[in-house]
Amino acid sequence: MTNSESSKTYEDRRYERLMESIDEYLGDQGPDCGTGPLFRDIQKACIDLKSYHQECVDSFTTVQDYFQ
């Protein structure tokens, strides 16, 4: 990480990553670019994240149930 990058806040770096990702979908040309693929991949990411976090919640619940 360069000195310039390390002086940026987490929020600034997160925003730049988001902007780069959106630009890959909307700023490039090709069959897997545009709003359709962007929305498709956002939906898929939300489904995958929901599943992952549900597994975490299930694990916490299992541990909590053990102590009750």
C-alpha atoms as a PDB file:
ATOM      1  CA  MET A   1       0.000   0.000   0.000  1.00  0.00           C
ATOM      2  CA  THR A   2       1.436   3.383  -0.986  1.00  0.00           C
ATOM      3  CA  ASN A   3       1.592   6.343   1.389  1.00  0.00           C
ATOM      4  CA  SER A   4      -1.256   7.986  -0.528  1.00  0.00           C
ATOM      5  CA  GLU A   5      -3.436   4.881  -0.162  1.00  0.00           C
ATOM      6  CA  SER A   6      -2.662   4.500   3.528  1.00  0.00           C
ATOM      7  CA  SER A   7      -3.749   8.083   4.244  1.00  0.00           C
ATOM      8  CA  LYS A   8      -7.228   7.425   2.811  1.00  0.00           C
ATOM      9  CA  THR A   9     -10.015   6.415   5.131  1.00  0.00           C
ATOM     10  CA  TYR A  10     -11.603   3.002   4.936  1.00  0.00           C
ATOM     11  CA  GLU A  11     -14.726   4.652   3.535  1.00  0.00           C
ATOM     12  CA  ASP A  12     -12.705   6.350   0.784  1.00  0.00           C
ATOM     13  CA  ARG A  13     -11.022   3.082  -0.218  1.00  0.00           C
ATOM     14  CA  ARG A  14     -14.350   1.210  -0.117  1.00  0.00           C
ATOM     15  CA  TYR A  15     -15.952   3.878  -2.331  1.00  0.00           C
ATOM     16  CA  GLU A  16     -13.086   3.646  -4.832  1.00  0.00           C
ATOM     17  CA  ARG A  17     -13.454  -0.153  -5.018  1.00  0.00           C
ATOM     18  CA  LEU A  18     -17.198   0.237  -5.606  1.00  0.00           C
ATOM     19  CA  MET A  19     -16.621   2.863  -8.276  1.00  0.00           C
ATOM     20  CA  GLU A  20     -14.107   0.603 -10.053  1.00  0.00           C
ATOM     21  CA  SER A  21     -16.547  -2.308  -9.983  1.00  0.00           C
ATOM     22  CA  ILE A  22     -19.408  -0.232 -11.370  1.00  0.00           C
ATOM     23  CA  ASP A  23     -17.115   1.118 -14.084  1.00  0.00           C
ATOM     24  CA  GLU A  24     -16.230  -2.450 -15.097  1.00  0.00           C
ATOM     25  CA  TYR A  25     -19.929  -3.128 -15.730  1.00  0.00           C
ATOM     26  CA  LEU A  26     -21.025   0.193 -17.213  1.00  0.00           C
ATOM     27  CA  GLY A  27     -17.829   1.660 -18.662  1.00  0.00           C
ATOM     28  CA  ASP A  28     -16.678  -1.374 -20.634  1.00  0.00           C
ATOM     29  CA  GLN A  29     -18.108  -2.945 -23.767  1.00  0.00           C
ATOM     30  CA  GLY A  30     -18.911  -6.594 -24.204  1.00  0.00           C
ATOM     31  CA  PRO A  31     -21.506  -9.287 -23.688  1.00  0.00           C
ATOM     32  CA  ASP A  32     -21.147  -9.357 -19.902  1.00  0.00           C
ATOM     33  CA  CYS A  33     -21.311  -5.577 -19.403  1.00  0.00           C
ATOM     34  CA  GLY A  34     -24.208  -3.198 -18.868  1.00  0.00           C
ATOM     35  CA  THR A  35     -27.046  -2.866 -16.395  1.00  0.00           C
ATOM     36  CA  GLY A  36     -28.350  -6.418 -16.838  1.00  0.00           C
ATOM     37  CA  PRO A  37     -25.154  -8.151 -15.721  1.00  0.00           C
ATOM     38  CA  LEU A  38     -24.655  -5.548 -12.966  1.00  0.00           C
ATOM     39  CA  PHE A  39     -28.108  -6.171 -11.489  1.00  0.00           C
ATOM     40  CA  ARG A  40     -27.746  -9.942 -11.940  1.00  0.00           C
ATOM     41  CA  ASP A  41     -24.442  -9.996 -10.065  1.00  0.00           C
ATOM     42  CA  ILE A  42     -25.688  -7.690  -7.284  1.00  0.00           C
ATOM     43  CA  GLN A  43     -28.647 -10.021  -6.782  1.00  0.00           C
ATOM     44  CA  LYS A  44     -26.371 -13.091  -6.771  1.00  0.00           C
ATOM     45  CA  ALA A  45     -23.991 -11.436  -4.287  1.00  0.00           C
ATOM     46  CA  CYS A  46     -26.895 -10.618  -1.967  1.00  0.00           C
ATOM     47  CA  ILE A  47     -28.121 -14.217  -2.109  1.00  0.00           C
ATOM     48  CA  ASP A  48     -24.629 -15.576  -1.410  1.00  0.00           C
ATOM     49  CA  LEU A  49     -24.042 -13.132   1.455  1.00  0.00           C
ATOM     50  CA  LYS A  50     -27.431 -13.901   2.972  1.00  0.00           C
ATOM     51  CA  SER A  51     -26.623 -17.609   2.894  1.00  0.00           C
ATOM     52  CA  TYR A  52     -23.187 -17.064   4.457  1.00  0.00           C
ATOM     53  CA  HIS A  53     -24.546 -14.865   7.225  1.00  0.00           C
ATOM     54  CA  GLN A  54     -27.398 -17.296   7.890  1.00  0.00           C
ATOM     55  CA  GLU A  55     -24.801 -20.008   8.469  1.00  0.00           C
ATOM     56  CA  CYS A  56     -23.067 -17.696  10.974  1.00  0.00           C
ATOM     57  CA  VAL A  57     -26.361 -16.992  12.757  1.00  0.00           C
ATOM     58  CA  ASP A  58     -27.098 -20.721  12.870  1.00  0.00           C
ATOM     59  CA  SER A  59     -23.710 -21.372  14.474  1.00  0.00           C
ATOM     60  CA  PHE A  60     -24.254 -18.652  17.091  1.00  0.00           C
ATOM     61  CA  THR A  61     -27.704 -20.060  17.823  1.00  0.00           C
ATOM     62  CA  THR A  62     -26.281 -23.559  18.271  1.00  0.00           C
ATOM     63  CA  VAL A  63     -23.709 -22.296  20.780  1.00  0.00           C
ATOM     64  CA  GLN A  64     -26.286 -20.173  22.578  1.00  0.00           C
ATOM     65  CA  ASP A  65     -28.725 -23.093  22.790  1.00  0.00           C
ATOM     66  CA  TYR A  66     -26.014 -25.221  24.370  1.00  0.00           C
ATOM     67  CA  PHE A  67     -25.838 -22.854  27.361  1.00  0.00           C
ATOM     68  CA  GLN A  68     -29.590 -22.639  27.892  1.00  0.00           C
END
